[in-house]
C-alpha atoms as a PDB file:
ATOM      1  CA  MET A   1       0.000   0.000   0.000  1.00  0.00           C
ATOM      2  CA  GLU A   2       1.408   3.349  -0.990  1.00  0.00           C
ATOM      3  CA  PHE A   3       1.515   6.367   1.290  1.00  0.00           C
ATOM      4  CA  ALA A   4      -1.323   8.143  -0.535  1.00  0.00           C
ATOM      5  CA  ASP A   5      -3.597   5.112  -0.167  1.00  0.00           C
ATOM      6  CA  ALA A   6      -2.747   4.745   3.521  1.00  0.00           C
ATOM      7  CA  PHE A   7      -3.347   8.466   4.054  1.00  0.00           C
ATOM      8  CA  TRP A   8      -6.816   8.273   2.480  1.00  0.00           C
ATOM      9  CA  VAL A   9      -7.724   5.264   4.616  1.00  0.00           C
ATOM     10  CA  LEU A  10      -6.593   7.161   7.722  1.00  0.00           C
ATOM     11  CA  LEU A  11      -8.484  10.311   6.705  1.00  0.00           C
ATOM     12  CA  LEU A  12     -11.736   8.536   5.844  1.00  0.00           C
ATOM     13  CA  GLY A  13     -11.542   6.319   8.941  1.00  0.00           C
ATOM     14  CA  SER A  14     -11.015   9.373  11.133  1.00  0.00           C
ATOM     15  CA  LEU A  15     -13.975  11.195   9.610  1.00  0.00           C
ATOM     16  CA  LEU A  16     -16.204   8.124   9.959  1.00  0.00           C
ATOM     17  CA  GLY A  17     -15.139   7.670  13.592  1.00  0.00           C
ATOM     18  CA  LEU A  18     -15.826  11.333  14.328  1.00  0.00           C
ATOM     19  CA  GLU A  19     -19.280  11.057  12.770  1.00  0.00           C
ATOM     20  CA  LEU A  20     -20.134   7.877  14.695  1.00  0.00           C
ATOM     21  CA  ILE A  21     -18.913   9.183  18.056  1.00  0.00           C
ATOM     22  CA  GLY A  22     -20.949  12.356  17.536  1.00  0.00           C
ATOM     23  CA  LYS A  23     -24.124  10.244  17.364  1.00  0.00           C
ATOM     24  CA  VAL A  24     -23.555   8.465  20.708  1.00  0.00           C
ATOM     25  CA  PRO A  25     -25.869   9.791  23.438  1.00  0.00           C
ATOM     26  CA  PRO A  26     -24.110  11.208  26.516  1.00  0.00           C
ATOM     27  CA  THR A  27     -25.488   8.469  28.787  1.00  0.00           C
ATOM     28  CA  LEU A  28     -23.660   5.804  26.771  1.00  0.00           C
ATOM     29  CA  HIS A  29     -20.465   7.701  26.065  1.00  0.00           C
ATOM     30  CA  THR A  30     -18.592   6.866  29.275  1.00  0.00           C
ATOM     31  CA  PRO A  31     -19.369   3.112  29.316  1.00  0.00           C
ATOM     32  CA  LEU A  32     -18.458   2.775  25.648  1.00  0.00           C
ATOM     33  CA  MET A  33     -15.201   4.671  26.119  1.00  0.00           C
ATOM     34  CA  SER A  34     -14.310   2.534  29.129  1.00  0.00           C
ATOM     35  CA  GLY A  35     -14.776  -0.612  27.056  1.00  0.00           C
ATOM     36  CA  ALA A  36     -12.837   0.812  24.132  1.00  0.00           C
ATOM     37  CA  ASN A  37      -9.958   1.775  26.410  1.00  0.00           C
ATOM     38  CA  ALA A  38      -9.845  -1.737  27.845  1.00  0.00           C
ATOM     39  CA  ILE A  39      -9.336  -3.064  24.321  1.00  0.00           C
ATOM     40  CA  SER A  40      -5.994  -1.242  24.359  1.00  0.00           C
ATOM     41  CA  GLY A  41      -4.728  -4.193  26.386  1.00  0.00           C
ATOM     42  CA  ILE A  42      -4.545  -6.035  23.066  1.00  0.00           C
ATOM     43  CA  THR A  43      -2.417  -3.192  21.697  1.00  0.00           C
ATOM     44  CA  MET A  44      -0.114  -3.589  24.683  1.00  0.00           C
ATOM     45  CA  LEU A  45       0.362  -7.275  23.857  1.00  0.00           C
ATOM     46  CA  ALA A  46       1.101  -6.418  20.231  1.00  0.00           C
ATOM     47  CA  ALA A  47       3.627  -3.771  21.298  1.00  0.00           C
ATOM     48  CA  LEU A  48       5.348  -6.201  23.640  1.00  0.00           C
ATOM     49  CA  THR A  49       5.485  -8.779  20.847  1.00  0.00           C
ATOM     50  CA  LEU A  50       7.043  -6.181  18.534  1.00  0.00           C
ATOM     51  CA  ILE A  51       9.648  -5.268  21.141  1.00  0.00           C
ATOM     52  CA  ILE A  52      10.523  -8.915  21.770  1.00  0.00           C
ATOM     53  CA  THR A  53      10.841  -9.766  18.077  1.00  0.00           C
ATOM     54  CA  ALA A  54      12.639  -6.524  17.107  1.00  0.00           C
ATOM     55  CA  ASP A  55      15.988  -8.298  17.376  1.00  0.00           C
ATOM     56  CA  GLY A  56      17.905  -5.104  18.116  1.00  0.00           C
ATOM     57  CA  ARG A  57      16.487  -3.055  15.225  1.00  0.00           C
ATOM     58  CA  THR A  58      16.171   0.459  16.611  1.00  0.00           C
ATOM     59  CA  PRO A  59      13.154   1.672  14.544  1.00  0.00           C
ATOM     60  CA  LEU A  60      11.099  -1.348  15.623  1.00  0.00           C
ATOM     61  CA  LEU A  61      12.149  -0.947  19.247  1.00  0.00           C
ATOM     62  CA  LEU A  62      11.212   2.730  19.140  1.00  0.00           C
ATOM     63  CA  MET A  63       7.864   2.021  17.491  1.00  0.00           C
ATOM     64  CA  GLY A  64       7.113  -0.693  20.036  1.00  0.00           C
ATOM     65  CA  ALA A  65       8.065   1.515  22.964  1.00  0.00           C
ATOM     66  CA  VAL A  66       5.932   4.432  21.758  1.00  0.00           C
ATOM     67  CA  SER A  67       2.917   2.216  21.061  1.00  0.00           C
ATOM     68  CA  LEU A  68       3.327   0.502  24.433  1.00  0.00           C
ATOM     69  CA  GLY A  69       3.390   3.886  26.159  1.00  0.00           C
ATOM     70  CA  PHE A  70       0.254   5.129  24.409  1.00  0.00           C
ATOM     71  CA  ALA A  71      -1.610   1.859  25.002  1.00  0.00           C
ATOM     72  CA  LEU A  72      -0.631   1.836  28.676  1.00  0.00           C
ATOM     73  CA  PHE A  73      -1.790   5.436  29.031  1.00  0.00           C
ATOM     74  CA  ASN A  74      -5.107   4.483  27.406  1.00  0.00           C
ATOM     75  CA  VAL A  75      -5.646   1.431  29.639  1.00  0.00           C
ATOM     76  CA  VAL A  76      -4.919   3.363  32.834  1.00  0.00           C
ATOM     77  CA  GLY A  77      -7.213   6.170  31.671  1.00  0.00           C
ATOM     78  CA  GLY A  78      -9.944   3.636  30.934  1.00  0.00           C
ATOM     79  CA  PHE A  79      -9.708   2.189  34.418  1.00  0.00           C
ATOM     80  CA  LEU A  80      -9.796   5.657  35.990  1.00  0.00           C
ATOM     81  CA  VAL A  81     -12.860   6.659  33.954  1.00  0.00           C
ATOM     82  CA  THR A  82     -14.602   3.385  34.807  1.00  0.00           C
ATOM     83  CA  ASP A  83     -13.816   3.814  38.505  1.00  0.00           C
ATOM     84  CA  ARG A  84     -15.188   7.347  38.461  1.00  0.00           C
ATOM     85  CA  MET A  85     -18.300   6.198  36.611  1.00  0.00           C
ATOM     86  CA  LEU A  86     -18.952   3.396  39.104  1.00  0.00           C
ATOM     87  CA  ALA A  87     -18.444   5.786  42.024  1.00  0.00           C
ATOM     88  CA  MET A  88     -21.364   7.835  40.697  1.00  0.00           C
ATOM     89  CA  PHE A  89     -23.663   4.848  41.265  1.00  0.00           C
ATOM     90  CA  SER A  90     -22.424   3.754  44.679  1.00  0.00           C
ATOM     91  CA  ARG A  91     -24.478   4.486  47.768  1.00  0.00           C
ATOM     92  CA  LYS A  92     -23.230   7.222  50.025  1.00  0.00           C
ATOM     93  CA  SER A  93     -22.528   6.164  53.606  1.00  0.00           C
ATOM     94  CA  SER A  94     -24.542   8.082  56.175  1.00  0.00           C
ATOM     95  CA  ARG A  95     -22.404  10.564  58.078  1.00  0.00           C
ATOM     96  CA  LYS A  96     -23.385  11.658  61.575  1.00  0.00           C
END
């Protein structure tokens, strides 16, 4: 795939994603984002696989490290958002 083809796929995919996310009602946005962030665990496994199989090639090691960092950031953010969302539904303890 040439660069121009890959660029068009990226551009059209981004526009489609933006359009779809805009149609999600606010009550479903947080649960859907929490689930989507948890899927980044798969990206972490792929990044670790890339790092392990890089065999000392610096560009692959760099790409794996960057993708691992972004995926880890996304997973932690997903857990924080989910925790905050669940705290909204927990019962408050009575204070005297």
